[in-house]
Amino acid sequence: MTFEPGEVVTLKSGGQPMTVVSADEEHIDCVWIGEQGQLFRESIPAAALIAVAADDDDAEDEADEVDDEVDEDDESDDDTPKRKRKVA
């Protein structure tokens, strides 16, 4: 499997998510932040890594935040949102 710079990976055995910095056929240079905030960089054999699936929950959370916002034009002076009328 080939990895691209910027891709998020983890060890097959588990551990911290890591970001690929550079890659060749056999070795992947990765960086990650440790639990104490220290930055680590290591060359890891490609056979030991798997790609982390994109977290679709983040995209959904962002969409929910936009939906939850009330447009100022839809509010009355007493901060009560106006109800939208259904159009037949």
PDB file of N, CA and C in Angstrom:
ATOM      1  N   MET A   1       0.838  -1.184   0.000  1.00  0.00           N
ATOM      2  CA  MET A   1       0.000   0.000   0.000  1.00  0.00           C
ATOM      3  C   MET A   1       0.880   1.243   0.000  1.00  0.00           C
ATOM      4  N   THR A   2       0.509   2.230  -0.774  1.00  0.00           N
ATOM      5  CA  THR A   2       1.267   3.474  -0.805  1.00  0.00           C
ATOM      6  C   THR A   2       0.551   4.526   0.023  1.00  0.00           C
ATOM      7  N   PHE A   3       1.331   5.358   0.660  1.00  0.00           N
ATOM      8  CA  PHE A   3       0.793   6.441   1.481  1.00  0.00           C
ATOM      9  C   PHE A   3       1.250   7.768   0.891  1.00  0.00           C
ATOM     10  N   GLU A   4       0.420   8.782   1.022  1.00  0.00           N
ATOM     11  CA  GLU A   4       0.709  10.111   0.488  1.00  0.00           C
ATOM     12  C   GLU A   4       0.963  11.102   1.623  1.00  0.00           C
ATOM     13  N   PRO A   5       1.842  12.089   1.423  1.00  0.00           N
ATOM     14  CA  PRO A   5       2.036  13.121   2.444  1.00  0.00           C
ATOM     15  C   PRO A   5       0.700  13.780   2.800  1.00  0.00           C
ATOM     16  N   GLY A   6       0.500  13.981   4.097  1.00  0.00           N
ATOM     17  CA  GLY A   6      -0.732  14.574   4.591  1.00  0.00           C
ATOM     18  C   GLY A   6      -1.770  13.545   5.014  1.00  0.00           C
ATOM     19  N   GLU A   7      -1.590  12.302   4.603  1.00  0.00           N
ATOM     20  CA  GLU A   7      -2.527  11.237   4.964  1.00  0.00           C
ATOM     21  C   GLU A   7      -2.346  10.871   6.439  1.00  0.00           C
ATOM     22  N   VAL A   8      -3.433  10.534   7.111  1.00  0.00           N
ATOM     23  CA  VAL A   8      -3.377  10.125   8.510  1.00  0.00           C
ATOM     24  C   VAL A   8      -3.323   8.604   8.563  1.00  0.00           C
ATOM     25  N   VAL A   9      -2.365   8.098   9.337  1.00  0.00           N
ATOM     26  CA  VAL A   9      -2.151   6.654   9.471  1.00  0.00           C
ATOM     27  C   VAL A   9      -2.016   6.306  10.947  1.00  0.00           C
ATOM     28  N   THR A  10      -2.056   5.019  11.221  1.00  0.00           N
ATOM     29  CA  THR A  10      -1.780   4.525  12.565  1.00  0.00           C
ATOM     30  C   THR A  10      -1.096   3.167  12.441  1.00  0.00           C
ATOM     31  N   LEU A  11      -0.466   2.734  13.498  1.00  0.00           N
ATOM     32  CA  LEU A  11       0.126   1.402  13.502  1.00  0.00           C
ATOM     33  C   LEU A  11      -0.988   0.366  13.441  1.00  0.00           C
ATOM     34  N   LYS A  12      -0.758  -0.722  12.765  1.00  0.00           N
ATOM     35  CA  LYS A  12      -1.744  -1.800  12.697  1.00  0.00           C
ATOM     36  C   LYS A  12      -2.073  -2.309  14.094  1.00  0.00           C
ATOM     37  N   SER A  13      -1.117  -2.216  14.998  1.00  0.00           N
ATOM     38  CA  SER A  13      -1.311  -2.681  16.369  1.00  0.00           C
ATOM     39  C   SER A  13      -1.997  -1.639  17.255  1.00  0.00           C
ATOM     40  N   GLY A  14      -2.288  -0.460  16.689  1.00  0.00           N
ATOM     41  CA  GLY A  14      -2.947   0.608  17.447  1.00  0.00           C
ATOM     42  C   GLY A  14      -1.994   1.732  17.782  1.00  0.00           C
ATOM     43  N   GLY A  15      -2.479   2.717  18.489  1.00  0.00           N
ATOM     44  CA  GLY A  15      -1.632   3.834  18.896  1.00  0.00           C
ATOM     45  C   GLY A  15      -2.152   5.166  18.399  1.00  0.00           C
ATOM     46  N   GLN A  16      -1.301   6.166  18.476  1.00  0.00           N
ATOM     47  CA  GLN A  16      -1.641   7.537  18.100  1.00  0.00           C
ATOM     48  C   GLN A  16      -1.858   7.663  16.599  1.00  0.00           C
ATOM     49  N   PRO A  17      -2.794   8.513  16.166  1.00  0.00           N
ATOM     50  CA  PRO A  17      -2.855   8.855  14.745  1.00  0.00           C
ATOM     51  C   PRO A  17      -1.591   9.638  14.383  1.00  0.00           C
ATOM     52  N   MET A  18      -1.058   9.378  13.207  1.00  0.00           N
ATOM     53  CA  MET A  18       0.165  10.041  12.749  1.00  0.00           C
ATOM     54  C   MET A  18      -0.081  10.607  11.358  1.00  0.00           C
ATOM     55  N   THR A  19       0.637  11.671  11.020  1.00  0.00           N
ATOM     56  CA  THR A  19       0.532  12.285   9.703  1.00  0.00           C
ATOM     57  C   THR A  19       1.755  11.923   8.882  1.00  0.00           C
ATOM     58  N   VAL A  20       1.513  11.453   7.658  1.00  0.00           N
ATOM     59  CA  VAL A  20       2.604  11.099   6.755  1.00  0.00           C
ATOM     60  C   VAL A  20       3.266  12.391   6.265  1.00  0.00           C
ATOM     61  N   VAL A  21       4.595  12.443   6.392  1.00  0.00           N
ATOM     62  CA  VAL A  21       5.373  13.588   5.916  1.00  0.00           C
ATOM     63  C   VAL A  21       5.973  13.276   4.553  1.00  0.00           C
ATOM     64  N   SER A  22       6.518  12.079   4.424  1.00  0.00           N
ATOM     65  CA  SER A  22       7.070  11.619   3.146  1.00  0.00           C
ATOM     66  C   SER A  22       7.005  10.102   3.127  1.00  0.00           C
ATOM     67  N   ALA A  23       7.060   9.550   1.913  1.00  0.00           N
ATOM     68  CA  ALA A  23       6.919   8.101   1.802  1.00  0.00           C
ATOM     69  C   ALA A  23       7.658   7.586   0.582  1.00  0.00           C
ATOM     70  N   ASP A  24       8.237   6.382   0.731  1.00  0.00           N
ATOM     71  CA  ASP A  24       8.723   5.630  -0.420  1.00  0.00           C
ATOM     72  C   ASP A  24       8.069   4.261  -0.326  1.00  0.00           C
ATOM     73  N   GLU A  25       8.508   3.309  -1.100  1.00  0.00           N
ATOM     74  CA  GLU A  25       7.855   1.994  -1.131  1.00  0.00           C
ATOM     75  C   GLU A  25       7.871   1.274   0.216  1.00  0.00           C
ATOM     76  N   GLU A  26       8.959   1.432   0.976  1.00  0.00           N
ATOM     77  CA  GLU A  26       9.109   0.634   2.184  1.00  0.00           C
ATOM     78  C   GLU A  26       9.046   1.409   3.493  1.00  0.00           C
ATOM     79  N   HIS A  27       9.388   2.697   3.481  1.00  0.00           N
ATOM     80  CA  HIS A  27       9.440   3.473   4.717  1.00  0.00           C
ATOM     81  C   HIS A  27       8.578   4.724   4.609  1.00  0.00           C
ATOM     82  N   ILE A  28       7.872   4.985   5.688  1.00  0.00           N
ATOM     83  CA  ILE A  28       6.974   6.133   5.758  1.00  0.00           C
ATOM     84  C   ILE A  28       7.459   7.023   6.898  1.00  0.00           C
ATOM     85  N   ASP A  29       7.771   8.288   6.592  1.00  0.00           N
ATOM     86  CA  ASP A  29       8.146   9.242   7.625  1.00  0.00           C
ATOM     87  C   ASP A  29       6.873   9.871   8.169  1.00  0.00           C
ATOM     88  N   CYS A  30       6.666   9.731   9.488  1.00  0.00           N
ATOM     89  CA  CYS A  30       5.445  10.200  10.127  1.00  0.00           C
ATOM     90  C   CYS A  30       5.772  11.178  11.257  1.00  0.00           C
ATOM     91  N   VAL A  31       4.843  12.078  11.533  1.00  0.00           N
ATOM     92  CA  VAL A  31       4.927  12.957  12.692  1.00  0.00           C
ATOM     93  C   VAL A  31       3.638  12.818  13.490  1.00  0.00           C
ATOM     94  N   TRP A  32       3.747  13.033  14.814  1.00  0.00           N
ATOM     95  CA  TRP A  32       2.584  13.019  15.678  1.00  0.00           C
ATOM     96  C   TRP A  32       2.910  13.759  16.961  1.00  0.00           C
ATOM     97  N   ILE A  33       1.863  14.124  17.679  1.00  0.00           N
ATOM     98  CA  ILE A  33       1.996  14.832  18.952  1.00  0.00           C
ATOM     99  C   ILE A  33       1.788  13.824  20.077  1.00  0.00           C
ATOM    100  N   GLY A  34       2.731  13.772  21.014  1.00  0.00           N
ATOM    101  CA  GLY A  34       2.621  12.873  22.152  1.00  0.00           C
ATOM    102  C   GLY A  34       1.648  13.395  23.191  1.00  0.00           C
ATOM    103  N   GLU A  35       1.396  12.593  24.199  1.00  0.00           N
ATOM    104  CA  GLU A  35       0.442  12.948  25.247  1.00  0.00           C
ATOM    105  C   GLU A  35       0.861  14.191  26.027  1.00  0.00           C
ATOM    106  N   GLN A  36       2.142  14.464  26.106  1.00  0.00           N
ATOM    107  CA  GLN A  36       2.643  15.630  26.827  1.00  0.00           C
ATOM    108  C   GLN A  36       2.838  16.844  25.909  1.00  0.00           C
ATOM    109  N   GLY A  37       2.408  16.727  24.643  1.00  0.00           N
ATOM    110  CA  GLY A  37       2.523  17.836  23.700  1.00  0.00           C
ATOM    111  C   GLY A  37       3.825  17.865  22.923  1.00  0.00           C
ATOM    112  N   GLN A  38       4.669  16.870  23.095  1.00  0.00           N
ATOM    113  CA  GLN A  38       5.939  16.827  22.378  1.00  0.00           C
ATOM    114  C   GLN A  38       5.716  16.320  20.953  1.00  0.00           C
ATOM    115  N   LEU A  39       6.501  16.835  20.018  1.00  0.00           N
ATOM    116  CA  LEU A  39       6.415  16.438  18.615  1.00  0.00           C
ATOM    117  C   LEU A  39       7.387  15.299  18.341  1.00  0.00           C
ATOM    118  N   PHE A  40       6.883  14.248  17.712  1.00  0.00           N
ATOM    119  CA  PHE A  40       7.703  13.104  17.349  1.00  0.00           C
ATOM    120  C   PHE A  40       7.748  12.968  15.836  1.00  0.00           C
ATOM    121  N   ARG A  41       8.881  12.474  15.330  1.00  0.00           N
ATOM    122  CA  ARG A  41       9.028  12.158  13.906  1.00  0.00           C
ATOM    123  C   ARG A  41       9.795  10.849  13.823  1.00  0.00           C
ATOM    124  N   GLU A  42       9.273   9.912  13.031  1.00  0.00           N
ATOM    125  CA  GLU A  42       9.890   8.599  12.935  1.00  0.00           C
ATOM    126  C   GLU A  42       9.650   8.015  11.557  1.00  0.00           C
ATOM    127  N   SER A  43      10.626   7.227  11.065  1.00  0.00           N
ATOM    128  CA  SER A  43      10.466   6.466   9.842  1.00  0.00           C
ATOM    129  C   SER A  43       9.959   5.085  10.238  1.00  0.00           C
ATOM    130  N   ILE A  44       8.819   4.683   9.668  1.00  0.00           N
ATOM    131  CA  ILE A  44       8.160   3.444  10.049  1.00  0.00           C
ATOM    132  C   ILE A  44       7.980   2.578   8.803  1.00  0.00           C
ATOM    133  N   PRO A  45       8.215   1.285   8.902  1.00  0.00           N
ATOM    134  CA  PRO A  45       7.993   0.415   7.742  1.00  0.00           C
ATOM    135  C   PRO A  45       6.533   0.465   7.284  1.00  0.00           C
ATOM    136  N   ALA A  46       6.327   0.540   5.986  1.00  0.00           N
ATOM    137  CA  ALA A  46       4.972   0.645   5.432  1.00  0.00           C
ATOM    138  C   ALA A  46       4.108  -0.543   5.842  1.00  0.00           C
ATOM    139  N   ALA A  47       4.701  -1.718   6.007  1.00  0.00           N
ATOM    140  CA  ALA A  47       3.951  -2.914   6.376  1.00  0.00           C
ATOM    141  C   ALA A  47       3.310  -2.802   7.759  1.00  0.00           C
ATOM    142  N   ALA A  48       3.789  -1.888   8.590  1.00  0.00           N
ATOM    143  CA  ALA A  48       3.275  -1.745   9.952  1.00  0.00           C
ATOM    144  C   ALA A  48       2.145  -0.725  10.065  1.00  0.00           C
ATOM    145  N   LEU A  49       1.798  -0.044   8.952  1.00  0.00           N
ATOM    146  CA  LEU A  49       0.828   1.048   9.007  1.00  0.00           C
ATOM    147  C   LEU A  49      -0.457   0.749   8.241  1.00  0.00           C
ATOM    148  N   ILE A  50      -1.529   1.363   8.693  1.00  0.00           N
ATOM    149  CA  ILE A  50      -2.791   1.368   7.953  1.00  0.00           C
ATOM    150  C   ILE A  50      -3.306   2.797   7.909  1.00  0.00           C
ATOM    151  N   ALA A  51      -4.036   3.119   6.863  1.00  0.00           N
ATOM    152  CA  ALA A  51      -4.630   4.449   6.737  1.00  0.00           C
ATOM    153  C   ALA A  51      -5.816   4.558   7.679  1.00  0.00           C
ATOM    154  N   VAL A  52      -5.991   5.727   8.257  1.00  0.00           N
ATOM    155  CA  VAL A  52      -7.133   5.996   9.126  1.00  0.00           C
ATOM    156  C   VAL A  52      -8.246   6.548   8.244  1.00  0.00           C
ATOM    157  N   ALA A  53      -9.432   5.970   8.355  1.00  0.00           N
ATOM    158  CA  ALA A  53     -10.574   6.436   7.566  1.00  0.00           C
ATOM    159  C   ALA A  53     -10.909   7.866   7.949  1.00  0.00           C
ATOM    160  N   ALA A  54     -11.307   8.653   6.943  1.00  0.00           N
ATOM    161  CA  ALA A  54     -11.713  10.032   7.201  1.00  0.00           C
ATOM    162  C   ALA A  54     -12.881  10.011   8.165  1.00  0.00           C
ATOM    163  N   ASP A  55     -12.874  10.919   9.134  1.00  0.00           N
ATOM    164  CA  ASP A  55     -13.916  10.974  10.151  1.00  0.00           C
ATOM    165  C   ASP A  55     -15.089  11.779   9.629  1.00  0.00           C
ATOM    166  N   ASP A  56     -16.120  11.089   9.128  1.00  0.00           N
ATOM    167  CA  ASP A  56     -17.298  11.761   8.587  1.00  0.00           C
ATOM    168  C   ASP A  56     -18.087  12.464   9.675  1.00  0.00           C
ATOM    169  N   ASP A  57     -17.899  12.078  10.950  1.00  0.00           N
ATOM    170  CA  ASP A  57     -18.613  12.730  12.035  1.00  0.00           C
ATOM    171  C   ASP A  57     -18.250  14.202  12.127  1.00  0.00           C
ATOM    172  N   ASP A  58     -16.975  14.555  11.834  1.00  0.00           N
ATOM    173  CA  ASP A  58     -16.565  15.961  11.871  1.00  0.00           C
ATOM    174  C   ASP A  58     -17.348  16.782  10.860  1.00  0.00           C
ATOM    175  N   ALA A  59     -17.500  16.255   9.653  1.00  0.00           N
ATOM    176  CA  ALA A  59     -18.242  16.964   8.623  1.00  0.00           C
ATOM    177  C   ALA A  59     -19.702  17.110   9.027  1.00  0.00           C
ATOM    178  N   GLU A  60     -20.275  16.059   9.623  1.00  0.00           N
ATOM    179  CA  GLU A  60     -21.654  16.122  10.064  1.00  0.00           C
ATOM    180  C   GLU A  60     -21.814  17.113  11.198  1.00  0.00           C
ATOM    181  N   ASP A  61     -20.855  17.152  12.148  1.00  0.00           N
ATOM    182  CA  ASP A  61     -20.919  18.092  13.258  1.00  0.00           C
ATOM    183  C   ASP A  61     -20.897  19.525  12.756  1.00  0.00           C
ATOM    184  N   GLU A  62     -20.043  19.819  11.767  1.00  0.00           N
ATOM    185  CA  GLU A  62     -19.971  21.165  11.210  1.00  0.00           C
ATOM    186  C   GLU A  62     -21.294  21.543  10.549  1.00  0.00           C
ATOM    187  N   ALA A  63     -21.907  20.603   9.837  1.00  0.00           N
ATOM    188  CA  ALA A  63     -23.187  20.868   9.190  1.00  0.00           C
ATOM    189  C   ALA A  63     -24.267  21.118  10.242  1.00  0.00           C
ATOM    190  N   ASP A  64     -24.247  20.367  11.343  1.00  0.00           N
ATOM    191  CA  ASP A  64     -25.219  20.565  12.410  1.00  0.00           C
ATOM    192  C   ASP A  64     -25.071  21.944  13.037  1.00  0.00           C
ATOM    193  N   GLU A  65     -23.829  22.399  13.215  1.00  0.00           N
ATOM    194  CA  GLU A  65     -23.595  23.720  13.796  1.00  0.00           C
ATOM    195  C   GLU A  65     -24.198  24.809  12.924  1.00  0.00           C
ATOM    196  N   VAL A  66     -24.052  24.686  11.621  1.00  0.00           N
ATOM    197  CA  VAL A  66     -24.614  25.671  10.699  1.00  0.00           C
ATOM    198  C   VAL A  66     -26.131  25.632  10.785  1.00  0.00           C
ATOM    199  N   ASP A  67     -26.731  24.446  10.850  1.00  0.00           N
ATOM    200  CA  ASP A  67     -28.183  24.308  10.948  1.00  0.00           C
ATOM    201  C   ASP A  67     -28.715  24.894  12.249  1.00  0.00           C
ATOM    202  N   ASP A  68     -27.939  24.801  13.329  1.00  0.00           N
ATOM    203  CA  ASP A  68     -28.383  25.283  14.632  1.00  0.00           C
ATOM    204  C   ASP A  68     -28.339  26.800  14.755  1.00  0.00           C
ATOM    205  N   GLU A  69     -27.550  27.449  13.919  1.00  0.00           N
ATOM    206  CA  GLU A  69     -27.456  28.900  13.980  1.00  0.00           C
ATOM    207  C   GLU A  69     -28.747  29.518  13.468  1.00  0.00           C
ATOM    208  N   VAL A  70     -29.187  30.580  14.152  1.00  0.00           N
ATOM    209  CA  VAL A  70     -30.396  31.284  13.740  1.00  0.00           C
ATOM    210  C   VAL A  70     -29.976  32.566  13.054  1.00  0.00           C
ATOM    211  N   ASP A  71     -30.507  32.788  11.873  1.00  0.00           N
ATOM    212  CA  ASP A  71     -30.198  33.991  11.118  1.00  0.00           C
ATOM    213  C   ASP A  71     -30.779  35.193  11.850  1.00  0.00           C
ATOM    214  N   GLU A  72     -30.011  36.262  11.992  1.00  0.00           N
ATOM    215  CA  GLU A  72     -30.471  37.443  12.707  1.00  0.00           C
ATOM    216  C   GLU A  72     -31.726  38.034  12.101  1.00  0.00           C
ATOM    217  N   ASP A  73     -31.918  37.891  10.796  1.00  0.00           N
ATOM    218  CA  ASP A  73     -33.104  38.418  10.150  1.00  0.00           C
ATOM    219  C   ASP A  73     -34.359  37.681  10.592  1.00  0.00           C
ATOM    220  N   ASP A  74     -34.208  36.465  11.105  1.00  0.00           N
ATOM    221  CA  ASP A  74     -35.348  35.659  11.518  1.00  0.00           C
ATOM    222  C   ASP A  74     -35.712  35.869  12.981  1.00  0.00           C
ATOM    223  N   GLU A  75     -35.044  36.776  13.678  1.00  0.00           N
ATOM    224  CA  GLU A  75     -35.321  37.002  15.084  1.00  0.00           C
ATOM    225  C   GLU A  75     -36.084  38.302  15.272  1.00  0.00           C
ATOM    226  N   SER A  76     -37.013  38.281  16.241  1.00  0.00           N
ATOM    227  CA  SER A  76     -37.723  39.511  16.576  1.00  0.00           C
ATOM    228  C   SER A  76     -36.920  40.272  17.612  1.00  0.00           C
ATOM    229  N   ASP A  77     -37.416  41.418  18.041  1.00  0.00           N
ATOM    230  CA  ASP A  77     -36.699  42.239  19.009  1.00  0.00           C
ATOM    231  C   ASP A  77     -36.534  41.553  20.359  1.00  0.00           C
ATOM    232  N   ASP A  78     -37.431  40.614  20.701  1.00  0.00           N
ATOM    233  CA  ASP A  78     -37.331  39.956  21.996  1.00  0.00           C
ATOM    234  C   ASP A  78     -36.505  38.666  21.931  1.00  0.00           C
ATOM    235  N   ASP A  79     -35.734  38.490  20.871  1.00  0.00           N
ATOM    236  CA  ASP A  79     -34.843  37.341  20.672  1.00  0.00           C
ATOM    237  C   ASP A  79     -35.575  36.013  20.516  1.00  0.00           C
ATOM    238  N   THR A  80     -36.870  36.047  20.217  1.00  0.00           N
ATOM    239  CA  THR A  80     -37.617  34.830  19.951  1.00  0.00           C
ATOM    240  C   THR A  80     -37.587  34.576  18.456  1.00  0.00           C
ATOM    241  N   PRO A  81     -37.099  33.411  18.040  1.00  0.00           N
ATOM    242  CA  PRO A  81     -37.047  33.143  16.594  1.00  0.00           C
ATOM    243  C   PRO A  81     -38.453  33.119  15.995  1.00  0.00           C
ATOM    244  N   LYS A  82     -38.572  33.688  14.810  1.00  0.00           N
ATOM    245  CA  LYS A  82     -39.842  33.656  14.107  1.00  0.00           C
ATOM    246  C   LYS A  82     -39.997  32.293  13.464  1.00  0.00           C
ATOM    247  N   ARG A  83     -41.229  31.837  13.348  1.00  0.00           N
ATOM    248  CA  ARG A  83     -41.515  30.567  12.686  1.00  0.00           C
ATOM    249  C   ARG A  83     -41.635  30.816  11.196  1.00  0.00           C
ATOM    250  N   LYS A  84     -41.094  29.911  10.430  1.00  0.00           N
ATOM    251  CA  LYS A  84     -41.198  30.022   8.982  1.00  0.00           C
ATOM    252  C   LYS A  84     -42.521  29.418   8.557  1.00  0.00           C
ATOM    253  N   ARG A  85     -43.167  30.063   7.594  1.00  0.00           N
ATOM    254  CA  ARG A  85     -44.426  29.566   7.079  1.00  0.00           C
ATOM    255  C   ARG A  85     -44.178  28.590   5.945  1.00  0.00           C
ATOM    256  N   LYS A  86     -45.000  27.539   5.910  1.00  0.00           N
ATOM    257  CA  LYS A  86     -44.906  26.588   4.823  1.00  0.00           C
ATOM    258  C   LYS A  86     -45.634  27.165   3.632  1.00  0.00           C
ATOM    259  N   VAL A  87     -45.047  27.051   2.471  1.00  0.00           N
ATOM    260  CA  VAL A  87     -45.666  27.548   1.250  1.00  0.00           C
ATOM    261  C   VAL A  87     -46.178  26.333   0.474  1.00  0.00           C
ATOM    262  N   ALA A  88     -47.466  26.400   0.124  1.00  0.00           N
ATOM    263  CA  ALA A  88     -48.072  25.243  -0.561  1.00  0.00           C
ATOM    264  C   ALA A  88     -47.727  25.236  -2.005  1.00  0.00           C
TER     265      ALA A  88
END
